[in-house]
mmCIF file of all heavy atoms, coordinates in Angstrom:
data_MODEL
# 
_entry.id   MODEL 
# 
loop_
_atom_site.group_PDB 
_atom_site.id 
_atom_site.type_symbol 
_atom_site.label_atom_id 
_atom_site.label_alt_id 
_atom_site.label_comp_id 
_atom_site.label_asym_id 
_atom_site.label_entity_id 
_atom_site.label_seq_id 
_atom_site.pdbx_PDB_ins_code 
_atom_site.Cartn_x 
_atom_site.Cartn_y 
_atom_site.Cartn_z 
_atom_site.occupancy 
_atom_site.B_iso_or_equiv 
_atom_site.pdbx_formal_charge 
_atom_site.auth_seq_id 
_atom_site.auth_comp_id 
_atom_site.auth_asym_id 
_atom_site.auth_atom_id 
_atom_site.pdbx_PDB_model_num 
ATOM 1   N N   . TRP A 1 1  ? -6.488  17.135 -5.529  1.00 0.00 ? 1  TRP A N   1 
ATOM 2   C CA  . TRP A 1 1  ? -5.652  17.115 -4.372  1.00 0.00 ? 1  TRP A CA  1 
ATOM 3   C C   . TRP A 1 1  ? -5.826  18.407 -3.494  1.00 0.00 ? 1  TRP A C   1 
ATOM 4   O O   . TRP A 1 1  ? -5.514  18.464 -2.395  1.00 0.00 ? 1  TRP A O   1 
ATOM 5   C CB  . TRP A 1 1  ? -4.122  16.882 -4.774  1.00 0.00 ? 1  TRP A CB  1 
ATOM 6   C CG  . TRP A 1 1  ? -3.576  17.903 -5.561  1.00 0.00 ? 1  TRP A CG  1 
ATOM 7   C CD1 . TRP A 1 1  ? -3.616  17.801 -6.948  1.00 0.00 ? 1  TRP A CD1 1 
ATOM 8   C CD2 . TRP A 1 1  ? -3.009  19.166 -5.167  1.00 0.00 ? 1  TRP A CD2 1 
ATOM 9   N NE1 . TRP A 1 1  ? -3.064  19.082 -7.492  1.00 0.00 ? 1  TRP A NE1 1 
ATOM 10  C CE2 . TRP A 1 1  ? -2.580  19.816 -6.364  1.00 0.00 ? 1  TRP A CE2 1 
ATOM 11  C CE3 . TRP A 1 1  ? -2.643  19.736 -4.019  1.00 0.00 ? 1  TRP A CE3 1 
ATOM 12  C CZ2 . TRP A 1 1  ? -1.979  21.001 -6.337  1.00 0.00 ? 1  TRP A CZ2 1 
ATOM 13  C CZ3 . TRP A 1 1  ? -2.015  21.067 -3.949  1.00 0.00 ? 1  TRP A CZ3 1 
ATOM 14  C CH2 . TRP A 1 1  ? -1.616  21.637 -5.193  1.00 0.00 ? 1  TRP A CH2 1 
ATOM 15  N N   . THR A 1 2  ? -6.295  19.539 -4.318  1.00 0.00 ? 2  THR A N   1 
ATOM 16  C CA  . THR A 1 2  ? -6.378  20.720 -3.593  1.00 0.00 ? 2  THR A CA  1 
ATOM 17  C C   . THR A 1 2  ? -7.485  20.847 -2.639  1.00 0.00 ? 2  THR A C   1 
ATOM 18  O O   . THR A 1 2  ? -7.584  21.815 -1.776  1.00 0.00 ? 2  THR A O   1 
ATOM 19  C CB  . THR A 1 2  ? -6.564  21.920 -4.659  1.00 0.00 ? 2  THR A CB  1 
ATOM 20  O OG1 . THR A 1 2  ? -7.729  21.655 -5.315  1.00 0.00 ? 2  THR A OG1 1 
ATOM 21  C CG2 . THR A 1 2  ? -5.338  22.090 -5.441  1.00 0.00 ? 2  THR A CG2 1 
ATOM 22  N N   . ASP A 1 3  ? -8.382  19.823 -2.596  1.00 0.00 ? 3  ASP A N   1 
ATOM 23  C CA  . ASP A 1 3  ? -9.428  19.901 -1.569  1.00 0.00 ? 3  ASP A CA  1 
ATOM 24  C C   . ASP A 1 3  ? -8.914  19.360 -0.160  1.00 0.00 ? 3  ASP A C   1 
ATOM 25  O O   . ASP A 1 3  ? -9.666  19.480 0.702   1.00 0.00 ? 3  ASP A O   1 
ATOM 26  C CB  . ASP A 1 3  ? -10.594 19.060 -2.025  1.00 0.00 ? 3  ASP A CB  1 
ATOM 27  C CG  . ASP A 1 3  ? -10.281 17.576 -2.193  1.00 0.00 ? 3  ASP A CG  1 
ATOM 28  O OD1 . ASP A 1 3  ? -9.247  17.034 -1.752  1.00 0.00 ? 3  ASP A OD1 1 
ATOM 29  O OD2 . ASP A 1 3  ? -11.209 16.811 -2.750  1.00 0.00 ? 3  ASP A OD2 1 
ATOM 30  N N   . LEU A 1 4  ? -7.688  18.911 -0.197  1.00 0.00 ? 4  LEU A N   1 
ATOM 31  C CA  . LEU A 1 4  ? -6.986  18.455 1.088   1.00 0.00 ? 4  LEU A CA  1 
ATOM 32  C C   . LEU A 1 4  ? -7.899  17.535 1.920   1.00 0.00 ? 4  LEU A C   1 
ATOM 33  O O   . LEU A 1 4  ? -7.900  17.515 3.067   1.00 0.00 ? 4  LEU A O   1 
ATOM 34  C CB  . LEU A 1 4  ? -6.596  19.617 1.831   1.00 0.00 ? 4  LEU A CB  1 
ATOM 35  C CG  . LEU A 1 4  ? -5.600  20.538 1.262   1.00 0.00 ? 4  LEU A CG  1 
ATOM 36  C CD1 . LEU A 1 4  ? -5.235  21.774 2.130   1.00 0.00 ? 4  LEU A CD1 1 
ATOM 37  C CD2 . LEU A 1 4  ? -4.183  19.872 1.004   1.00 0.00 ? 4  LEU A CD2 1 
ATOM 38  N N   . ASN A 1 5  ? -8.521  16.542 1.211   1.00 0.00 ? 5  ASN A N   1 
ATOM 39  C CA  . ASN A 1 5  ? -9.217  15.555 1.890   1.00 0.00 ? 5  ASN A CA  1 
ATOM 40  C C   . ASN A 1 5  ? -8.296  14.316 2.252   1.00 0.00 ? 5  ASN A C   1 
ATOM 41  O O   . ASN A 1 5  ? -8.686  13.440 3.040   1.00 0.00 ? 5  ASN A O   1 
ATOM 42  C CB  . ASN A 1 5  ? -10.470 14.932 1.055   1.00 0.00 ? 5  ASN A CB  1 
ATOM 43  C CG  . ASN A 1 5  ? -11.564 15.925 1.106   1.00 0.00 ? 5  ASN A CG  1 
ATOM 44  O OD1 . ASN A 1 5  ? -11.747 16.595 2.096   1.00 0.00 ? 5  ASN A OD1 1 
ATOM 45  N ND2 . ASN A 1 5  ? -12.372 16.003 0.054   1.00 0.00 ? 5  ASN A ND2 1 
ATOM 46  N N   . GLN A 1 6  ? -7.065  14.329 1.748   1.00 0.00 ? 6  GLN A N   1 
ATOM 47  C CA  . GLN A 1 6  ? -6.057  13.297 1.984   1.00 0.00 ? 6  GLN A CA  1 
ATOM 48  C C   . GLN A 1 6  ? -4.716  14.104 1.870   1.00 0.00 ? 6  GLN A C   1 
ATOM 49  O O   . GLN A 1 6  ? -4.552  15.176 1.305   1.00 0.00 ? 6  GLN A O   1 
ATOM 50  C CB  . GLN A 1 6  ? -6.194  12.135 1.191   1.00 0.00 ? 6  GLN A CB  1 
ATOM 51  C CG  . GLN A 1 6  ? -6.214  12.452 -0.313  1.00 0.00 ? 6  GLN A CG  1 
ATOM 52  C CD  . GLN A 1 6  ? -6.406  11.206 -1.129  1.00 0.00 ? 6  GLN A CD  1 
ATOM 53  O OE1 . GLN A 1 6  ? -6.773  10.241 -0.689  1.00 0.00 ? 6  GLN A OE1 1 
ATOM 54  N NE2 . GLN A 1 6  ? -6.532  11.309 -2.446  1.00 0.00 ? 6  GLN A NE2 1 
ATOM 55  N N   . CYS A 1 7  ? -3.712  13.341 2.248   1.00 0.00 ? 7  CYS A N   1 
ATOM 56  C CA  . CYS A 1 7  ? -2.389  14.021 2.247   1.00 0.00 ? 7  CYS A CA  1 
ATOM 57  C C   . CYS A 1 7  ? -1.997  14.293 0.873   1.00 0.00 ? 7  CYS A C   1 
ATOM 58  O O   . CYS A 1 7  ? -2.258  13.388 -0.116  1.00 0.00 ? 7  CYS A O   1 
ATOM 59  C CB  . CYS A 1 7  ? -1.296  12.997 2.906   1.00 0.00 ? 7  CYS A CB  1 
ATOM 60  S SG  . CYS A 1 7  ? -1.536  12.784 4.657   1.00 0.00 ? 7  CYS A SG  1 
ATOM 61  N N   . VAL A 1 8  ? -1.298  15.388 0.684   1.00 0.00 ? 8  VAL A N   1 
ATOM 62  C CA  . VAL A 1 8  ? -0.869  15.768 -0.652  1.00 0.00 ? 8  VAL A CA  1 
ATOM 63  C C   . VAL A 1 8  ? 0.215   14.921 -1.063  1.00 0.00 ? 8  VAL A C   1 
ATOM 64  O O   . VAL A 1 8  ? 1.236   14.610 -0.439  1.00 0.00 ? 8  VAL A O   1 
ATOM 65  C CB  . VAL A 1 8  ? -0.362  17.303 -0.607  1.00 0.00 ? 8  VAL A CB  1 
ATOM 66  C CG1 . VAL A 1 8  ? 0.188   17.711 -1.956  1.00 0.00 ? 8  VAL A CG1 1 
ATOM 67  C CG2 . VAL A 1 8  ? -1.598  18.184 -0.254  1.00 0.00 ? 8  VAL A CG2 1 
ATOM 68  N N   . GLU A 1 9  ? 0.151   14.413 -2.336  1.00 0.00 ? 9  GLU A N   1 
ATOM 69  C CA  . GLU A 1 9  ? 1.140   13.497 -2.926  1.00 0.00 ? 9  GLU A CA  1 
ATOM 70  C C   . GLU A 1 9  ? 1.837   14.322 -4.079  1.00 0.00 ? 9  GLU A C   1 
ATOM 71  O O   . GLU A 1 9  ? 1.025   14.893 -4.845  1.00 0.00 ? 9  GLU A O   1 
ATOM 72  C CB  . GLU A 1 9  ? 0.600   12.213 -3.411  1.00 0.00 ? 9  GLU A CB  1 
ATOM 73  C CG  . GLU A 1 9  ? 0.062   11.302 -2.271  1.00 0.00 ? 9  GLU A CG  1 
ATOM 74  C CD  . GLU A 1 9  ? 1.173   10.907 -1.186  1.00 0.00 ? 9  GLU A CD  1 
ATOM 75  O OE1 . GLU A 1 9  ? 2.259   10.815 -1.651  1.00 0.00 ? 9  GLU A OE1 1 
ATOM 76  O OE2 . GLU A 1 9  ? 0.733   10.777 0.006   1.00 0.00 ? 9  GLU A OE2 1 
ATOM 77  N N   . TRP A 1 10 ? 3.099   14.213 -4.281  1.00 0.00 ? 10 TRP A N   1 
ATOM 78  C CA  . TRP A 1 10 ? 3.759   14.805 -5.398  1.00 0.00 ? 10 TRP A CA  1 
ATOM 79  C C   . TRP A 1 10 ? 3.331   14.476 -6.699  1.00 0.00 ? 10 TRP A C   1 
ATOM 80  O O   . TRP A 1 10 ? 3.105   15.330 -7.730  1.00 0.00 ? 10 TRP A O   1 
ATOM 81  C CB  . TRP A 1 10 ? 5.281   14.686 -5.215  1.00 0.00 ? 10 TRP A CB  1 
ATOM 82  C CG  . TRP A 1 10 ? 6.076   15.163 -6.435  1.00 0.00 ? 10 TRP A CG  1 
ATOM 83  C CD1 . TRP A 1 10 ? 6.780   14.378 -7.323  1.00 0.00 ? 10 TRP A CD1 1 
ATOM 84  C CD2 . TRP A 1 10 ? 6.052   16.461 -6.953  1.00 0.00 ? 10 TRP A CD2 1 
ATOM 85  N NE1 . TRP A 1 10 ? 7.283   15.108 -8.447  1.00 0.00 ? 10 TRP A NE1 1 
ATOM 86  C CE2 . TRP A 1 10 ? 6.863   16.600 -8.072  1.00 0.00 ? 10 TRP A CE2 1 
ATOM 87  C CE3 . TRP A 1 10 ? 5.633   17.752 -6.423  1.00 0.00 ? 10 TRP A CE3 1 
ATOM 88  C CZ2 . TRP A 1 10 ? 7.154   17.660 -8.833  1.00 0.00 ? 10 TRP A CZ2 1 
ATOM 89  C CZ3 . TRP A 1 10 ? 5.865   18.870 -7.153  1.00 0.00 ? 10 TRP A CZ3 1 
ATOM 90  C CH2 . TRP A 1 10 ? 6.659   18.860 -8.326  1.00 0.00 ? 10 TRP A CH2 1 
ATOM 91  N N   . GLU A 1 11 ? 2.960   13.251 -6.861  1.00 0.00 ? 11 GLU A N   1 
ATOM 92  C CA  . GLU A 1 11 ? 2.485   12.711 -8.186  1.00 0.00 ? 11 GLU A CA  1 
ATOM 93  C C   . GLU A 1 11 ? 1.217   13.542 -8.657  1.00 0.00 ? 11 GLU A C   1 
ATOM 94  O O   . GLU A 1 11 ? 1.086   13.846 -9.805  1.00 0.00 ? 11 GLU A O   1 
ATOM 95  C CB  . GLU A 1 11 ? 2.137   11.144 -8.146  1.00 0.00 ? 11 GLU A CB  1 
ATOM 96  C CG  . GLU A 1 11 ? 3.425   10.406 -7.916  1.00 0.00 ? 11 GLU A CG  1 
ATOM 97  C CD  . GLU A 1 11 ? 3.936   10.275 -6.422  1.00 0.00 ? 11 GLU A CD  1 
ATOM 98  O OE1 . GLU A 1 11 ? 3.080   10.538 -5.568  1.00 0.00 ? 11 GLU A OE1 1 
ATOM 99  O OE2 . GLU A 1 11 ? 5.041   10.155 -6.234  1.00 0.00 ? 11 GLU A OE2 1 
ATOM 100 N N   . ASN A 1 12 ? 0.350   13.778 -7.759  1.00 0.00 ? 12 ASN A N   1 
ATOM 101 C CA  . ASN A 1 12 ? -0.821  14.485 -8.034  1.00 0.00 ? 12 ASN A CA  1 
ATOM 102 C C   . ASN A 1 12 ? -0.479  15.978 -8.405  1.00 0.00 ? 12 ASN A C   1 
ATOM 103 O O   . ASN A 1 12 ? -1.245  16.491 -9.253  1.00 0.00 ? 12 ASN A O   1 
ATOM 104 C CB  . ASN A 1 12 ? -1.880  14.441 -6.938  1.00 0.00 ? 12 ASN A CB  1 
ATOM 105 C CG  . ASN A 1 12 ? -2.272  12.989 -6.671  1.00 0.00 ? 12 ASN A CG  1 
ATOM 106 O OD1 . ASN A 1 12 ? -2.372  12.127 -7.410  1.00 0.00 ? 12 ASN A OD1 1 
ATOM 107 N ND2 . ASN A 1 12 ? -2.661  12.672 -5.327  1.00 0.00 ? 12 ASN A ND2 1 
ATOM 108 N N   . VAL A 1 13 ? 0.305   16.546 -7.628  1.00 0.00 ? 13 VAL A N   1 
ATOM 109 C CA  . VAL A 1 13 ? 0.617   17.918 -7.944  1.00 0.00 ? 13 VAL A CA  1 
ATOM 110 C C   . VAL A 1 13 ? 1.362   17.985 -9.160  1.00 0.00 ? 13 VAL A C   1 
ATOM 111 O O   . VAL A 1 13 ? 1.156   18.915 -10.005 1.00 0.00 ? 13 VAL A O   1 
ATOM 112 C CB  . VAL A 1 13 ? 1.631   18.472 -6.786  1.00 0.00 ? 13 VAL A CB  1 
ATOM 113 C CG1 . VAL A 1 13 ? 2.044   19.941 -7.110  1.00 0.00 ? 13 VAL A CG1 1 
ATOM 114 C CG2 . VAL A 1 13 ? 0.884   18.462 -5.484  1.00 0.00 ? 13 VAL A CG2 1 
ATOM 115 N N   . GLN A 1 14 ? 2.131   17.054 -9.508  1.00 0.00 ? 14 GLN A N   1 
ATOM 116 C CA  . GLN A 1 14 ? 2.875   17.049 -10.794 1.00 0.00 ? 14 GLN A CA  1 
ATOM 117 C C   . GLN A 1 14 ? 1.903   16.830 -12.016 1.00 0.00 ? 14 GLN A C   1 
ATOM 118 O O   . GLN A 1 14 ? 2.143   17.549 -13.006 1.00 0.00 ? 14 GLN A O   1 
ATOM 119 C CB  . GLN A 1 14 ? 3.852   15.868 -10.865 1.00 0.00 ? 14 GLN A CB  1 
ATOM 120 C CG  . GLN A 1 14 ? 4.887   15.984 -11.822 1.00 0.00 ? 14 GLN A CG  1 
ATOM 121 C CD  . GLN A 1 14 ? 5.960   14.868 -11.741 1.00 0.00 ? 14 GLN A CD  1 
ATOM 122 O OE1 . GLN A 1 14 ? 5.777   13.734 -11.189 1.00 0.00 ? 14 GLN A OE1 1 
ATOM 123 N NE2 . GLN A 1 14 ? 7.191   15.161 -12.121 1.00 0.00 ? 14 GLN A NE2 1 
ATOM 124 N N   . LYS A 1 15 ? 0.810   16.204 -11.818 1.00 0.00 ? 15 LYS A N   1 
ATOM 125 C CA  . LYS A 1 15 ? -0.249  16.125 -12.992 1.00 0.00 ? 15 LYS A CA  1 
ATOM 126 C C   . LYS A 1 15 ? -0.790  17.526 -13.149 1.00 0.00 ? 15 LYS A C   1 
ATOM 127 O O   . LYS A 1 15 ? -1.084  17.893 -14.314 1.00 0.00 ? 15 LYS A O   1 
ATOM 128 C CB  . LYS A 1 15 ? -1.316  15.010 -12.545 1.00 0.00 ? 15 LYS A CB  1 
ATOM 129 C CG  . LYS A 1 15 ? -0.709  13.655 -12.598 1.00 0.00 ? 15 LYS A CG  1 
ATOM 130 C CD  . LYS A 1 15 ? -1.833  12.672 -12.215 1.00 0.00 ? 15 LYS A CD  1 
ATOM 131 C CE  . LYS A 1 15 ? -1.238  11.092 -12.282 1.00 0.00 ? 15 LYS A CE  1 
ATOM 132 N NZ  . LYS A 1 15 ? -2.196  10.290 -11.594 1.00 0.00 ? 15 LYS A NZ  1 
ATOM 133 N N   . THR A 1 16 ? -1.062  18.184 -11.991 1.00 0.00 ? 16 THR A N   1 
ATOM 134 C CA  . THR A 1 16 ? -1.585  19.521 -12.147 1.00 0.00 ? 16 THR A CA  1 
ATOM 135 C C   . THR A 1 16 ? -0.643  20.461 -12.889 1.00 0.00 ? 16 THR A C   1 
ATOM 136 O O   . THR A 1 16 ? -1.043  21.166 -13.682 1.00 0.00 ? 16 THR A O   1 
ATOM 137 C CB  . THR A 1 16 ? -1.948  20.071 -10.782 1.00 0.00 ? 16 THR A CB  1 
ATOM 138 O OG1 . THR A 1 16 ? -2.946  19.212 -10.056 1.00 0.00 ? 16 THR A OG1 1 
ATOM 139 C CG2 . THR A 1 16 ? -2.573  21.537 -10.725 1.00 0.00 ? 16 THR A CG2 1 
ATOM 140 N N   . LEU A 1 17 ? 0.621   20.346 -12.535 1.00 0.00 ? 17 LEU A N   1 
ATOM 141 C CA  . LEU A 1 17 ? 1.647   21.173 -13.221 1.00 0.00 ? 17 LEU A CA  1 
ATOM 142 C C   . LEU A 1 17 ? 1.641   20.835 -14.699 1.00 0.00 ? 17 LEU A C   1 
ATOM 143 O O   . LEU A 1 17 ? 1.726   21.745 -15.454 1.00 0.00 ? 17 LEU A O   1 
ATOM 144 C CB  . LEU A 1 17 ? 3.092   20.888 -12.566 1.00 0.00 ? 17 LEU A CB  1 
ATOM 145 C CG  . LEU A 1 17 ? 4.208   21.611 -13.215 1.00 0.00 ? 17 LEU A CG  1 
ATOM 146 C CD1 . LEU A 1 17 ? 3.963   23.156 -13.127 1.00 0.00 ? 17 LEU A CD1 1 
ATOM 147 C CD2 . LEU A 1 17 ? 5.434   21.307 -12.430 1.00 0.00 ? 17 LEU A CD2 1 
ATOM 148 N N   . GLU A 1 18 ? 1.642   19.564 -15.080 1.00 0.00 ? 18 GLU A N   1 
ATOM 149 C CA  . GLU A 1 18 ? 1.512   19.188 -16.393 1.00 0.00 ? 18 GLU A CA  1 
ATOM 150 C C   . GLU A 1 18 ? 0.245   19.692 -17.224 1.00 0.00 ? 18 GLU A C   1 
ATOM 151 O O   . GLU A 1 18 ? 0.374   20.241 -18.204 1.00 0.00 ? 18 GLU A O   1 
ATOM 152 C CB  . GLU A 1 18 ? 1.584   17.661 -16.486 1.00 0.00 ? 18 GLU A CB  1 
ATOM 153 C CG  . GLU A 1 18 ? 2.910   17.127 -16.240 1.00 0.00 ? 18 GLU A CG  1 
ATOM 154 C CD  . GLU A 1 18 ? 2.896   15.601 -16.094 1.00 0.00 ? 18 GLU A CD  1 
ATOM 155 O OE1 . GLU A 1 18 ? 1.805   14.911 -16.380 1.00 0.00 ? 18 GLU A OE1 1 
ATOM 156 O OE2 . GLU A 1 18 ? 3.834   14.960 -15.573 1.00 0.00 ? 18 GLU A OE2 1 
ATOM 157 N N   . PHE A 1 19 ? -0.816  19.686 -16.451 1.00 0.00 ? 19 PHE A N   1 
ATOM 158 C CA  . PHE A 1 19 ? -2.081  20.193 -17.007 1.00 0.00 ? 19 PHE A CA  1 
ATOM 159 C C   . PHE A 1 19 ? -1.928  21.833 -17.262 1.00 0.00 ? 19 PHE A C   1 
ATOM 160 O O   . PHE A 1 19 ? -2.258  22.341 -18.250 1.00 0.00 ? 19 PHE A O   1 
ATOM 161 C CB  . PHE A 1 19 ? -3.221  19.958 -16.023 1.00 0.00 ? 19 PHE A CB  1 
ATOM 162 C CG  . PHE A 1 19 ? -4.494  20.650 -16.548 1.00 0.00 ? 19 PHE A CG  1 
ATOM 163 C CD1 . PHE A 1 19 ? -5.256  20.054 -17.400 1.00 0.00 ? 19 PHE A CD1 1 
ATOM 164 C CD2 . PHE A 1 19 ? -4.995  21.801 -15.960 1.00 0.00 ? 19 PHE A CD2 1 
ATOM 165 C CE1 . PHE A 1 19 ? -6.558  20.579 -17.797 1.00 0.00 ? 19 PHE A CE1 1 
ATOM 166 C CE2 . PHE A 1 19 ? -6.109  22.399 -16.338 1.00 0.00 ? 19 PHE A CE2 1 
ATOM 167 C CZ  . PHE A 1 19 ? -6.962  21.750 -17.290 1.00 0.00 ? 19 PHE A CZ  1 
ATOM 168 N N   . ILE A 1 20 ? -1.353  22.498 -16.218 1.00 0.00 ? 20 ILE A N   1 
ATOM 169 C CA  . ILE A 1 20 ? -1.236  23.962 -16.285 1.00 0.00 ? 20 ILE A CA  1 
ATOM 170 C C   . ILE A 1 20 ? -0.245  24.205 -17.422 1.00 0.00 ? 20 ILE A C   1 
ATOM 171 O O   . ILE A 1 20 ? -0.449  25.112 -18.214 1.00 0.00 ? 20 ILE A O   1 
ATOM 172 C CB  . ILE A 1 20 ? -0.750  24.607 -15.000 1.00 0.00 ? 20 ILE A CB  1 
ATOM 173 C CG1 . ILE A 1 20 ? -1.657  24.262 -13.842 1.00 0.00 ? 20 ILE A CG1 1 
ATOM 174 C CG2 . ILE A 1 20 ? -0.263  25.974 -15.097 1.00 0.00 ? 20 ILE A CG2 1 
ATOM 175 C CD1 . ILE A 1 20 ? -2.869  25.125 -13.896 1.00 0.00 ? 20 ILE A CD1 1 
ATOM 176 N N   . SER A 1 21 ? 0.839   23.604 -17.438 1.00 0.00 ? 21 SER A N   1 
ATOM 177 C CA  . SER A 1 21 ? 1.923   23.717 -18.508 1.00 0.00 ? 21 SER A CA  1 
ATOM 178 C C   . SER A 1 21 ? 1.269   23.496 -19.955 1.00 0.00 ? 21 SER A C   1 
ATOM 179 O O   . SER A 1 21 ? 1.719   24.279 -20.933 1.00 0.00 ? 21 SER A O   1 
ATOM 180 C CB  . SER A 1 21 ? 3.112   22.895 -18.252 1.00 0.00 ? 21 SER A CB  1 
ATOM 181 O OG  . SER A 1 21 ? 3.640   23.213 -17.056 1.00 0.00 ? 21 SER A OG  1 
ATOM 182 N N   . GLU A 1 22 ? 0.489   22.537 -20.025 1.00 0.00 ? 22 GLU A N   1 
ATOM 183 C CA  . GLU A 1 22 ? 0.040   22.174 -21.337 1.00 0.00 ? 22 GLU A CA  1 
ATOM 184 C C   . GLU A 1 22 ? -1.088  23.225 -21.927 1.00 0.00 ? 22 GLU A C   1 
ATOM 185 O O   . GLU A 1 22 ? -1.120  23.528 -22.980 1.00 0.00 ? 22 GLU A O   1 
ATOM 186 C CB  . GLU A 1 22 ? -0.695  20.839 -21.342 1.00 0.00 ? 22 GLU A CB  1 
ATOM 187 C CG  . GLU A 1 22 ? -1.353  20.366 -22.468 1.00 0.00 ? 22 GLU A CG  1 
ATOM 188 C CD  . GLU A 1 22 ? -1.981  18.985 -22.395 1.00 0.00 ? 22 GLU A CD  1 
ATOM 189 O OE1 . GLU A 1 22 ? -1.473  18.112 -21.581 1.00 0.00 ? 22 GLU A OE1 1 
ATOM 190 O OE2 . GLU A 1 22 ? -3.107  18.745 -22.902 1.00 0.00 ? 22 GLU A OE2 1 
ATOM 191 N N   . HIS A 1 23 ? -1.924  23.690 -20.903 1.00 0.00 ? 23 HIS A N   1 
ATOM 192 C CA  . HIS A 1 23 ? -3.007  24.652 -21.300 1.00 0.00 ? 23 HIS A CA  1 
ATOM 193 C C   . HIS A 1 23 ? -2.612  26.061 -21.037 1.00 0.00 ? 23 HIS A C   1 
ATOM 194 O O   . HIS A 1 23 ? -3.273  27.016 -21.726 1.00 0.00 ? 23 HIS A O   1 
ATOM 195 C CB  . HIS A 1 23 ? -4.246  24.371 -20.416 1.00 0.00 ? 23 HIS A CB  1 
ATOM 196 C CG  . HIS A 1 23 ? -4.832  22.910 -20.786 1.00 0.00 ? 23 HIS A CG  1 
ATOM 197 N ND1 . HIS A 1 23 ? -4.493  21.783 -20.259 1.00 0.00 ? 23 HIS A ND1 1 
ATOM 198 C CD2 . HIS A 1 23 ? -5.957  22.835 -21.673 1.00 0.00 ? 23 HIS A CD2 1 
ATOM 199 C CE1 . HIS A 1 23 ? -5.175  20.825 -20.756 1.00 0.00 ? 23 HIS A CE1 1 
ATOM 200 N NE2 . HIS A 1 23 ? -6.036  21.352 -21.611 1.00 0.00 ? 23 HIS A NE2 1 
ATOM 201 N N   . PHE A 1 24 ? -1.677  26.442 -20.410 1.00 0.00 ? 24 PHE A N   1 
ATOM 202 C CA  . PHE A 1 24 ? -1.357  27.803 -20.160 1.00 0.00 ? 24 PHE A CA  1 
ATOM 203 C C   . PHE A 1 24 ? 0.265   27.875 -20.338 1.00 0.00 ? 24 PHE A C   1 
ATOM 204 O O   . PHE A 1 24 ? 1.054   27.859 -19.294 1.00 0.00 ? 24 PHE A O   1 
ATOM 205 C CB  . PHE A 1 24 ? -1.659  28.290 -18.721 1.00 0.00 ? 24 PHE A CB  1 
ATOM 206 C CG  . PHE A 1 24 ? -3.136  28.059 -18.481 1.00 0.00 ? 24 PHE A CG  1 
ATOM 207 C CD1 . PHE A 1 24 ? -3.568  27.006 -17.920 1.00 0.00 ? 24 PHE A CD1 1 
ATOM 208 C CD2 . PHE A 1 24 ? -4.020  28.940 -19.016 1.00 0.00 ? 24 PHE A CD2 1 
ATOM 209 C CE1 . PHE A 1 24 ? -4.961  26.717 -17.602 1.00 0.00 ? 24 PHE A CE1 1 
ATOM 210 C CE2 . PHE A 1 24 ? -5.468  28.813 -18.788 1.00 0.00 ? 24 PHE A CE2 1 
ATOM 211 C CZ  . PHE A 1 24 ? -5.876  27.681 -18.054 1.00 0.00 ? 24 PHE A CZ  1 
# 
């Protein structure tokens, strides 16, 4: 989603947050 080729959706950002929280 960070490439901004389409509108940002919360669900996608939330998956990133989960990834970051899991690994860092």
